[in-house]
């Protein structure tokens, strides 16, 4: 009996020892891992940043473009905002608006962007920050210059409790555009701004915005072209056409306001803007001593209405835009880009036979104000524009858009009447999306610039004498391209 008891106690001790050894081999319990969680508060694609209450969405696109008779973003080669198409290997100093057979007929661009949309719910509403940037590769970057790469910056803004601060779409416009190009008719500009938007319910809102005037300022034209262009001459064609700009530095931002409604049927917006035009007239700039700088305020008004047309096909819509300006030419459009402004439109073809050079086409300067006499008095330019765009889905994966636009620009008090011009544009595109987020599209644009006088050498004002400038005429161009873009 005593022997049995000893055996049992020994076995128990052994089991305890084995159990203790096994327990020592077990892993220590790990701390809880924070996994990425879906955030459904702001729509599809958002997730919580681990360890925070901030939701973020990451997206972007990869894009391939090729253009014919155009420059970046399908912009027809008739505007000074992007003159790459005028910078052929043999161009020398004769850049925009001069073209010849040495210039490139097509260009290519590849662009990749990434965007971050971060949102946090607070006691004052949603705090949002948005950034989009990337890089691009271009097949030509200048006269006789090959390909290059560049950083591409598009948006960076903060929104909080009705306020918007940063670089984004101007509140003067809606940003609607069904085309691959940025039409020359119609305001579409990105800029730095500080704005407040009040929501009244039922889709009604109003915004007051202070916007940097840098992308809106087209200049003050004291006389026509700063180059004495001469036809049928063996002389060098010089450095292109433009004007001496007497625009003073910025002193006040543009003041922009809008009233907007968004409903199931579509949307509508009425906008207005005030734009300061600063003129500098110092003696060292060639004017008589004693003249002082001056300023005046230009203005613009615009309206846009969009109608959704689901009874035709899902996704169908049409919109119309119209606007008028005095002393604020960029609010008409004209530049063909959301990140710049144009100081001229047109294209002049140069042809040389022996020692003679002939020129055909059109060229017109664009400015906020022009000189009316030799003493520095200026008058604001004016103009109006109208455009319409219609988009139709043939199938869920196949859509087309049609665009028509017209604008008129006038310098009624300037002695160089040749600076008045009209511009027409018609455009058509078709985009195929074989799978979700992949677009394969082609677009063609017809553009025509026309004025009241033929292309020729005209006298224009400068402080101490007169100078001959090559202005006037009429020209048209077919342009377009192909785009392949994958969004993610």
Protein backbone atom coordinates (compact mmCIF):
# COMPACT_ATOMS: atom_id res chain seq x y z
CA UNK A 1 0.00 0.00 0.00
CA UNK A 2 2.79 2.30 0.90
CA UNK A 3 4.46 1.41 -2.35
CA UNK A 4 1.30 2.19 -4.38
CA UNK A 5 0.98 5.59 -2.74
CA UNK A 6 4.56 6.48 -3.60
CA UNK A 7 3.97 5.46 -7.22
CA UNK A 8 0.86 7.62 -7.53
CA UNK A 9 2.56 10.65 -6.02
CA UNK A 10 5.52 10.24 -8.35
CA UNK A 11 3.28 10.00 -11.39
CA UNK A 12 1.38 13.10 -10.40
CA UNK A 13 4.61 15.03 -9.94
CA UNK A 14 5.77 13.93 -13.35
CA UNK A 15 2.55 15.04 -14.98
CA UNK A 16 2.79 18.44 -13.31
CA UNK A 17 6.38 18.80 -14.54
CA UNK A 18 5.45 17.86 -18.10
CA UNK A 19 2.45 20.19 -18.03
CA UNK A 20 4.63 23.00 -16.74
CA UNK A 21 7.18 22.44 -19.49
CA UNK A 22 4.47 22.47 -22.16
CA UNK A 23 2.96 25.64 -20.75
CA UNK A 24 6.33 27.33 -20.92
CA UNK A 25 6.51 26.44 -24.62
CA UNK A 26 3.17 28.09 -25.45
CA UNK A 27 3.41 31.52 -27.25
CA UNK A 28 2.55 34.66 -25.34
CA UNK A 29 -0.81 36.11 -26.47
CA UNK A 30 -0.17 38.83 -29.10
CA UNK A 31 -1.63 42.32 -28.89
CA UNK A 32 -4.67 43.00 -31.07
CA UNK A 33 -3.77 43.92 -34.66
CA UNK A 34 -5.54 46.96 -36.19
CA UNK A 35 -6.81 45.93 -39.59
CA UNK A 36 -7.92 48.32 -42.35
CA UNK A 37 -11.65 48.84 -42.11
CA UNK A 38 -14.04 50.00 -44.83
CA UNK A 39 -15.49 53.49 -44.35
CA UNK A 40 -18.96 53.70 -45.87
CA UNK A 41 -19.82 57.23 -44.69
CA UNK A 42 -18.53 58.97 -47.85
CA UNK A 43 -19.17 56.42 -50.58
CA UNK A 44 -17.27 53.57 -52.20
CA UNK A 45 -13.49 53.32 -51.99
CA UNK A 46 -12.92 54.97 -48.60
CA UNK A 47 -11.23 53.18 -45.69
CA UNK A 48 -10.15 54.20 -42.22
CA UNK A 49 -6.51 55.10 -41.70
CA UNK A 50 -5.52 52.59 -38.96
CA UNK A 51 -5.52 54.15 -35.53
CA UNK A 52 -7.53 57.23 -36.59
CA UNK A 53 -11.11 58.27 -37.31
CA UNK A 54 -10.07 59.68 -40.71
CA UNK A 55 -11.35 58.07 -43.91
CA UNK A 56 -9.19 58.21 -47.04
CA UNK A 57 -9.64 57.31 -50.68
CA UNK A 58 -6.69 56.83 -53.02
CA UNK A 59 -7.17 57.09 -56.77
CA UNK A 60 -5.68 58.48 -59.96
CA UNK A 61 -5.15 57.58 -63.59
CA UNK A 62 -2.61 56.52 -66.19
CA UNK A 63 -3.10 58.21 -69.58
CA UNK A 64 -1.73 58.10 -73.12
CA UNK A 65 -2.51 60.94 -75.55
CA UNK A 66 -1.52 61.66 -79.10
CA UNK A 67 -2.49 64.94 -80.79
CA UNK A 68 -2.68 66.09 -84.43
CA UNK A 69 -2.42 69.84 -85.20
CA UNK A 70 -2.72 70.43 -81.49
CA UNK A 71 -0.76 70.85 -78.30
CA UNK A 72 -1.32 69.53 -74.79
CA UNK A 73 -4.79 68.26 -73.88
CA UNK A 74 -6.09 68.41 -77.47
CA UNK A 75 -5.77 72.22 -77.52
CA UNK A 76 -5.89 73.37 -81.19
CA UNK A 77 -2.69 75.04 -82.39
CA UNK A 78 -4.16 78.54 -82.56
CA UNK A 79 -3.54 79.86 -79.05
CA UNK A 80 -0.49 81.27 -77.30
CA UNK A 81 -1.28 79.43 -74.05
CA UNK A 82 0.72 76.45 -75.30
CA UNK A 83 2.90 77.03 -78.35
CA UNK A 84 4.69 73.69 -78.62
CA UNK A 85 3.22 72.90 -82.03
CA UNK A 86 4.83 76.08 -83.41
CA UNK A 87 8.35 75.15 -82.26
CA UNK A 88 9.69 72.96 -85.07
CA UNK A 89 13.40 72.10 -85.48
CA UNK A 90 13.93 74.92 -88.00
CA UNK A 91 11.86 77.52 -86.22
CA UNK A 92 14.76 79.51 -84.78
CA UNK A 93 13.27 82.59 -83.14
CA UNK A 94 10.03 82.52 -85.14
CA UNK A 95 7.78 80.88 -82.56
CA UNK A 96 4.06 81.34 -82.03
CA UNK A 97 2.04 82.24 -84.10
CA UNK A 98 4.33 81.39 -87.03
CA UNK A 99 4.14 77.91 -88.58
CA UNK A 100 5.92 76.24 -91.45
CA UNK A 101 6.58 72.76 -92.80
CA UNK A 102 9.32 72.14 -90.22
CA UNK A 103 6.81 72.07 -87.37
CA UNK A 104 5.57 68.79 -85.94
CA UNK A 105 2.26 67.43 -87.20
CA UNK A 106 1.65 65.32 -84.10
CA UNK A 107 2.77 65.16 -80.47
CA UNK A 108 2.43 62.53 -77.75
CA UNK A 109 2.07 62.77 -74.00
CA UNK A 110 1.92 60.21 -71.20
CA UNK A 111 0.66 61.31 -67.79
CA UNK A 112 0.24 59.53 -64.49
CA UNK A 113 -1.47 61.06 -61.46
CA UNK A 114 -2.44 59.99 -57.96
CA UNK A 115 -4.99 61.66 -55.70
CA UNK A 116 -5.75 61.49 -51.98
CA UNK A 117 -9.13 62.44 -50.55
CA UNK A 118 -9.10 62.45 -46.71
CA UNK A 119 -12.23 63.19 -44.66
CA UNK A 120 -12.93 63.37 -40.93
CA UNK A 121 -16.28 63.96 -39.28
CA UNK A 122 -16.17 66.79 -36.70
CA UNK A 123 -18.62 68.77 -34.58
CA UNK A 124 -18.53 71.42 -37.32
CA UNK A 125 -19.14 69.05 -40.21
CA UNK A 126 -16.75 67.21 -42.49
CA UNK A 127 -13.10 68.23 -42.59
CA UNK A 128 -11.80 67.38 -46.06
CA UNK A 129 -8.41 67.67 -47.73
CA UNK A 130 -7.77 66.73 -51.35
CA UNK A 131 -4.51 66.53 -53.33
CA UNK A 132 -3.88 65.43 -56.93
CA UNK A 133 -0.45 65.47 -58.55
CA UNK A 134 1.72 63.38 -60.85
CA UNK A 135 4.21 63.49 -63.68
CA UNK A 136 4.11 63.57 -67.47
CA UNK A 137 6.31 62.78 -70.46
CA UNK A 138 6.10 64.92 -73.62
CA UNK A 139 7.54 64.09 -77.01
CA UNK A 140 8.53 67.73 -77.62
CA UNK A 141 9.26 70.57 -75.23
CA UNK A 142 10.53 73.39 -77.46
CA UNK A 143 12.16 74.45 -80.72
CA UNK A 144 14.51 71.67 -81.79
CA UNK A 145 14.23 70.14 -78.33
CA UNK A 146 13.33 66.49 -77.86
CA UNK A 147 11.28 64.75 -75.24
CA UNK A 148 11.19 65.70 -71.59
CA UNK A 149 9.55 64.79 -68.31
CA UNK A 150 7.82 67.22 -65.98
CA UNK A 151 5.97 67.29 -62.69
CA UNK A 152 2.22 67.75 -63.06
CA UNK A 153 0.27 69.50 -60.28
CA UNK A 154 -3.50 69.75 -60.40
CA UNK A 155 -5.32 70.24 -57.09
CA UNK A 156 -4.64 70.84 -53.39
CA UNK A 157 -7.37 72.24 -51.15
CA UNK A 158 -8.97 72.05 -47.70
CA UNK A 159 -12.71 72.25 -47.01
CA UNK A 160 -14.16 72.82 -43.55
CA UNK A 161 -17.48 74.14 -42.27
CA UNK A 162 -18.34 75.74 -45.63
CA UNK A 163 -14.87 77.19 -46.28
CA UNK A 164 -12.54 76.20 -49.12
CA UNK A 165 -8.83 77.10 -49.13
CA UNK A 166 -6.30 76.06 -51.78
CA UNK A 167 -5.81 75.49 -55.50
CA UNK A 168 -8.90 74.24 -57.30
CA UNK A 169 -11.64 75.11 -59.83
CA UNK A 170 -12.70 78.75 -59.82
CA UNK A 171 -16.18 79.22 -58.35
CA UNK A 172 -17.07 81.35 -61.39
CA UNK A 173 -17.67 78.15 -63.38
CA UNK A 174 -19.08 74.68 -62.78
CA UNK A 175 -16.26 72.67 -64.37
CA UNK A 176 -18.67 70.85 -66.68
CA UNK A 177 -16.99 69.50 -69.81
CA UNK A 178 -17.85 66.41 -71.88
CA UNK A 179 -14.95 66.92 -74.29
CA UNK A 180 -11.35 65.70 -74.15
CA UNK A 181 -10.19 69.21 -75.00
CA UNK A 182 -10.79 72.36 -72.96
CA UNK A 183 -12.96 74.43 -75.34
CA UNK A 184 -11.76 77.92 -76.30
CA UNK A 185 -15.28 79.23 -75.71
CA UNK A 186 -16.23 79.24 -72.04
CA UNK A 187 -14.43 79.97 -68.78
CA UNK A 188 -12.68 76.97 -67.18
CA UNK A 189 -9.84 77.99 -64.86
CA UNK A 190 -8.12 76.59 -61.76
CA UNK A 191 -6.60 79.02 -59.32
CA UNK A 192 -5.68 79.68 -55.68
CA UNK A 193 -8.67 80.84 -53.68
CA UNK A 194 -10.31 81.35 -50.30
CA UNK A 195 -14.08 80.89 -50.40
CA UNK A 196 -17.17 80.35 -48.28
CA UNK A 197 -20.22 78.40 -49.45
CA UNK A 198 -23.56 78.69 -47.67
CA UNK A 199 -26.04 75.83 -48.05
CA UNK A 200 -29.73 76.83 -47.88
CA UNK A 201 -31.27 73.38 -48.31
CA UNK A 202 -33.15 71.77 -51.21
CA UNK A 203 -30.01 72.04 -53.35
CA UNK A 204 -29.65 75.82 -53.13
CA UNK A 205 -26.23 77.34 -52.29
CA UNK A 206 -24.25 80.56 -52.64
CA UNK A 207 -20.50 81.13 -52.66
CA UNK A 208 -18.27 84.17 -52.17
CA UNK A 209 -14.66 83.63 -53.25
CA UNK A 210 -11.43 85.65 -53.28
CA UNK A 211 -9.33 84.25 -56.13
CA UNK A 212 -5.75 84.88 -57.21
CA UNK A 213 -5.78 86.90 -60.44
CA UNK A 214 -2.59 85.34 -61.86
CA UNK A 215 -4.37 82.90 -64.18
CA UNK A 216 -6.95 85.54 -65.14
CA UNK A 217 -4.69 88.47 -66.10
CA UNK A 218 -4.09 88.79 -69.84
CA UNK A 219 -2.26 92.15 -69.77
CA UNK A 220 -2.52 95.81 -70.80
CA UNK A 221 -1.72 96.45 -74.45
CA UNK A 222 -0.13 99.85 -75.12
CA UNK A 223 0.45 99.01 -78.73
CA UNK A 224 -0.05 96.08 -81.05
CA UNK A 225 2.93 93.91 -81.83
CA UNK A 226 6.44 94.47 -80.53
CA UNK A 227 7.85 93.11 -83.76
CA UNK A 228 7.84 94.98 -87.10
CA UNK A 229 6.66 92.14 -89.29
CA UNK A 230 7.24 92.78 -93.00
CA UNK A 231 5.80 90.71 -95.84
CA UNK A 232 7.68 89.73 -99.02
CA UNK A 233 11.03 90.38 -97.38
CA UNK A 234 14.17 88.30 -96.93
CA UNK A 235 14.56 89.66 -93.39
CA UNK A 236 14.43 87.39 -90.37
CA UNK A 237 10.89 86.87 -89.08
CA UNK A 238 11.97 87.87 -85.58
CA UNK A 239 10.73 86.55 -82.25
CA UNK A 240 7.07 86.03 -82.92
CA UNK A 241 4.20 88.43 -82.35
CA UNK A 242 2.88 89.84 -79.12
CA UNK A 243 2.56 93.19 -77.40
CA UNK A 244 4.43 95.24 -74.84
CA UNK A 245 2.58 94.62 -71.60
CA UNK A 246 2.06 97.52 -69.21
CA UNK A 247 0.25 95.42 -66.64
CA UNK A 248 1.25 96.42 -63.10
CA UNK A 249 1.64 93.92 -60.28
CA UNK A 250 -1.31 92.36 -58.51
CA UNK A 251 -2.86 94.49 -55.78
CA UNK A 252 -6.23 92.82 -55.30
CA UNK A 253 -7.66 89.35 -55.91
CA UNK A 254 -10.60 88.68 -58.18
CA UNK A 255 -13.89 88.80 -56.28
CA UNK A 256 -16.16 85.96 -57.44
CA UNK A 257 -19.69 85.06 -56.34
CA UNK A 258 -22.26 82.53 -57.49
CA UNK A 259 -25.78 81.27 -56.86
CA UNK A 260 -26.34 77.57 -57.55
CA UNK A 261 -29.07 74.94 -57.51
CA UNK A 262 -28.65 71.16 -57.77
CA UNK A 263 -31.74 69.04 -58.34
CA UNK A 264 -32.69 65.65 -59.77
CA UNK A 265 -33.33 67.29 -63.16
CA UNK A 266 -29.83 68.80 -63.30
CA UNK A 267 -28.18 71.99 -62.08
CA UNK A 268 -27.91 75.72 -62.77
CA UNK A 269 -25.49 78.45 -61.72
CA UNK A 270 -25.29 82.23 -62.11
CA UNK A 271 -21.84 83.78 -61.53
CA UNK A 272 -20.23 87.19 -61.36
CA UNK A 273 -16.63 88.43 -61.02
CA UNK A 274 -14.72 91.66 -60.45
CA UNK A 275 -11.19 91.82 -61.89
CA UNK A 276 -8.72 94.64 -61.22
CA UNK A 277 -6.78 95.98 -64.23
CA UNK A 278 -3.57 97.69 -63.12
CA UNK A 279 -1.73 99.96 -65.60
CA UNK A 280 1.84 101.12 -64.98
CA UNK A 281 3.07 104.27 -66.79
CA UNK A 282 6.48 105.28 -65.38
CA UNK A 283 8.90 107.52 -67.26
CA UNK A 284 11.49 104.74 -67.49
CA UNK A 285 8.96 102.70 -69.46
CA UNK A 286 8.97 105.31 -72.23
CA UNK A 287 6.14 107.58 -71.16
CA UNK A 288 6.39 111.28 -70.38
CA UNK A 289 7.54 112.17 -66.83
CA UNK A 290 4.74 112.90 -64.42
CA UNK A 291 2.42 110.12 -65.58
CA UNK A 292 1.20 107.87 -62.81
CA UNK A 293 -0.09 104.34 -62.72
CA UNK A 294 -3.82 103.82 -62.72
CA UNK A 295 -6.30 101.07 -62.13
CA UNK A 296 -9.84 100.21 -63.10
CA UNK A 297 -12.10 97.27 -62.44
CA UNK A 298 -13.21 94.88 -65.12
CA UNK A 299 -16.09 92.51 -64.61
CA UNK A 300 -17.69 89.37 -65.96
CA UNK A 301 -21.00 87.57 -65.67
CA UNK A 302 -21.76 84.00 -66.63
CA UNK A 303 -24.47 81.37 -66.46
CA UNK A 304 -24.59 77.59 -66.87
CA UNK A 305 -27.53 75.18 -66.91
CA UNK A 306 -27.34 71.39 -67.23
CA UNK A 307 -30.25 69.02 -67.89
CA UNK A 308 -30.12 65.28 -67.28
CA UNK A 309 -31.81 63.28 -70.02
CA UNK A 310 -32.41 59.75 -68.66
CA UNK A 311 -35.43 59.30 -70.97
CA UNK A 312 -32.95 59.13 -73.88
CA UNK A 313 -30.42 56.85 -72.17
CA UNK A 314 -28.91 56.44 -68.72
CA UNK A 315 -26.17 59.06 -68.30
CA UNK A 316 -27.35 61.35 -71.11
CA UNK A 317 -27.17 65.10 -70.43
CA UNK A 318 -26.85 68.49 -72.10
CA UNK A 319 -25.61 71.84 -70.86
CA UNK A 320 -25.39 75.43 -72.07
CA UNK A 321 -23.04 78.20 -70.93
CA UNK A 322 -22.95 81.91 -71.76
CA UNK A 323 -20.93 84.86 -70.52
CA UNK A 324 -20.02 88.52 -71.01
CA UNK A 325 -16.94 90.47 -69.88
CA UNK A 326 -15.41 93.93 -69.86
CA UNK A 327 -11.74 94.13 -68.90
CA UNK A 328 -11.62 90.44 -67.90
CA UNK A 329 -10.87 88.60 -71.14
CA UNK A 330 -9.93 85.26 -69.57
CA UNK A 331 -13.50 84.82 -68.36
CA UNK A 332 -14.40 84.25 -72.02
CA UNK A 333 -12.08 81.23 -72.21
CA UNK A 334 -9.65 81.49 -75.18
CA UNK A 335 -6.69 79.70 -73.54
CA UNK A 336 -7.70 76.07 -74.05
CA UNK A 337 -6.18 75.15 -70.68
CA UNK A 338 -7.36 75.28 -67.08
CA UNK A 339 -3.94 76.36 -65.83
CA UNK A 340 -3.00 79.34 -67.98
CA UNK A 341 -4.23 82.23 -70.09
CA UNK A 342 -3.79 83.30 -73.67
CA UNK A 343 -2.48 86.66 -74.92
CA UNK A 344 -3.16 85.90 -78.57
CA UNK A 345 -5.07 83.66 -80.97
CA UNK A 346 -4.36 82.66 -84.53
CA UNK A 347 -1.81 80.96 -86.73
CA UNK A 348 0.35 82.44 -89.51
CA UNK A 349 1.83 80.12 -92.13
CA UNK A 350 5.20 81.20 -93.52
CA UNK A 351 6.30 80.24 -97.02
CA UNK A 352 9.63 81.15 -98.59
CA UNK A 353 10.28 81.30 -102.33
CA UNK A 354 13.86 82.34 -102.98
CA UNK A 355 14.53 85.40 -100.83
CA UNK A 356 10.85 86.24 -100.40
CA UNK A 357 8.69 85.28 -97.42
CA UNK A 358 4.91 85.34 -97.62
CA UNK A 359 2.49 84.95 -94.75
CA UNK A 360 -1.12 83.74 -94.66
CA UNK A 361 -3.47 83.12 -91.79
CA UNK A 362 -4.58 85.23 -88.83
CA UNK A 363 -3.27 86.77 -85.63
CA UNK A 364 -5.04 88.81 -82.93
CA UNK A 365 -3.81 89.92 -79.54
CA UNK A 366 -5.87 89.42 -76.37
CA UNK A 367 -5.70 91.85 -73.45
CA UNK A 368 -7.82 93.18 -70.58
CA UNK A 369 -7.23 96.79 -71.69
CA UNK A 370 -5.74 98.66 -74.67
CA UNK A 371 -4.31 102.12 -75.26
CA UNK A 372 -6.51 104.81 -76.80
CA UNK A 373 -3.82 107.49 -77.32
CA UNK A 374 -0.11 108.25 -76.93
CA UNK A 375 -0.52 109.51 -73.38
CA UNK A 376 -1.29 106.25 -71.65
CA UNK A 377 -5.08 106.43 -71.54
CA UNK A 378 -6.61 102.98 -71.73
CA UNK A 379 -9.97 101.41 -72.40
CA UNK A 380 -11.25 98.00 -71.30
CA UNK A 381 -11.82 95.33 -73.91
CA UNK A 382 -15.10 93.45 -74.04
CA UNK A 383 -16.52 90.21 -75.36
CA UNK A 384 -19.17 87.54 -75.03
CA UNK A 385 -19.35 83.81 -75.53
CA UNK A 386 -21.84 80.96 -75.72
CA UNK A 387 -21.35 77.20 -75.90
CA UNK A 388 -23.34 73.98 -75.65
CA UNK A 389 -22.41 70.33 -75.15
CA UNK A 390 -24.49 67.16 -75.48
CA UNK A 391 -23.46 63.68 -74.28
CA UNK A 392 -25.20 60.45 -75.33
CA UNK A 393 -24.62 56.85 -74.23
CA UNK A 394 -25.20 54.49 -77.14
CA UNK A 395 -24.61 51.59 -74.75
CA UNK A 396 -23.37 51.61 -71.13
CA UNK A 397 -19.84 51.20 -72.51
CA UNK A 398 -20.01 53.51 -75.55
CA UNK A 399 -20.68 57.26 -75.46
CA UNK A 400 -20.29 60.31 -77.70
CA UNK A 401 -20.26 64.06 -77.06
CA UNK A 402 -20.87 67.02 -79.36
CA UNK A 403 -19.71 70.59 -78.70
CA UNK A 404 -20.42 73.93 -80.41
CA UNK A 405 -19.03 77.28 -79.23
CA UNK A 406 -18.77 80.90 -80.36
CA UNK A 407 -17.15 84.02 -78.91
CA UNK A 408 -16.62 87.63 -79.93
CA UNK A 409 -13.78 89.87 -78.71
CA UNK A 410 -13.73 93.65 -79.26
CA UNK A 411 -11.45 96.62 -78.59
CA UNK A 412 -13.94 99.40 -79.46
CA UNK A 413 -11.74 102.35 -78.45
CA UNK A 414 -8.46 101.10 -79.84
CA UNK A 415 -7.29 102.63 -83.12
CA UNK A 416 -6.12 99.18 -84.23
CA UNK A 417 -9.53 97.93 -85.27
CA UNK A 418 -7.88 94.77 -86.60
CA UNK A 419 -7.74 93.44 -83.04
CA UNK A 420 -11.47 92.63 -83.13
CA UNK A 421 -12.17 88.97 -83.93
CA UNK A 422 -14.69 86.15 -83.72
CA UNK A 423 -13.99 82.49 -83.00
CA UNK A 424 -16.07 79.39 -83.81
CA UNK A 425 -15.51 75.80 -82.67
CA UNK A 426 -17.24 72.49 -83.37
CA UNK A 427 -16.18 69.21 -81.79
CA UNK A 428 -17.16 65.54 -81.67
CA UNK A 429 -15.76 62.62 -79.69
CA UNK A 430 -16.53 58.98 -79.06
CA UNK A 431 -15.28 57.01 -76.06
CA UNK A 432 -15.41 53.21 -75.67
CA UNK A 433 -15.14 51.63 -72.22
CA UNK A 434 -14.73 47.88 -72.82
CA UNK A 435 -14.29 47.31 -69.08
CA UNK A 436 -14.95 49.46 -66.04
CA UNK A 437 -12.55 52.43 -65.58
CA UNK A 438 -10.88 52.01 -69.00
CA UNK A 439 -11.60 54.68 -71.65
CA UNK A 440 -10.44 54.52 -75.27
CA UNK A 441 -11.49 57.64 -77.15
CA UNK A 442 -10.97 59.79 -80.22
CA UNK A 443 -11.91 63.43 -80.78
CA UNK A 444 -11.91 65.87 -83.69
CA UNK A 445 -12.24 69.68 -83.41
CA UNK A 446 -12.80 72.35 -86.06
CA UNK A 447 -11.72 75.88 -85.06
CA UNK A 448 -11.97 79.13 -87.03
CA UNK A 449 -10.63 82.59 -86.18
CA UNK A 450 -11.96 85.49 -88.24
CA UNK A 451 -11.72 89.29 -88.12
CA UNK A 452 -12.98 92.29 -90.01
CA UNK A 453 -9.76 93.10 -91.90
CA UNK A 454 -7.32 91.00 -93.94
CA UNK A 455 -3.94 89.99 -92.56
CA UNK A 456 -1.57 92.88 -93.08
CA UNK A 457 0.78 95.46 -91.61
CA UNK A 458 -1.07 98.06 -89.56
CA UNK A 459 0.05 101.09 -87.57
CA UNK A 460 -0.45 100.93 -83.82
CA UNK A 461 0.28 103.06 -80.77
CA UNK A 462 3.47 103.29 -78.75
CA UNK A 463 4.60 106.15 -76.48
CA UNK A 464 6.89 108.04 -78.85
CA UNK A 465 6.11 106.87 -82.38
CA UNK A 466 4.13 104.42 -84.42
CA UNK A 467 5.06 100.85 -85.25
CA UNK A 468 3.88 98.42 -87.89
CA UNK A 469 2.32 95.17 -86.73
CA UNK A 470 1.17 92.09 -88.59
CA UNK A 471 -2.43 91.51 -87.48
CA UNK A 472 -5.85 90.60 -88.90
CA UNK A 473 -6.81 87.83 -91.25
CA UNK A 474 -8.71 84.58 -91.02
CA UNK A 475 -7.65 80.98 -90.46
CA UNK A 476 -9.14 77.63 -89.58
CA UNK A 477 -7.74 74.32 -88.41
CA UNK A 478 -8.81 70.72 -87.97
CA UNK A 479 -7.30 69.12 -84.90
CA UNK A 480 -7.84 66.10 -82.70
CA UNK A 481 -6.31 63.04 -81.20
CA UNK A 482 -6.65 59.72 -79.44
CA UNK A 483 -6.67 59.01 -75.70
CA UNK A 484 -6.36 55.80 -73.70
CA UNK A 485 -6.92 56.24 -69.95
CA UNK A 486 -7.24 53.83 -67.05
CA UNK A 487 -8.76 55.30 -63.87
CA UNK A 488 -8.25 53.67 -60.50
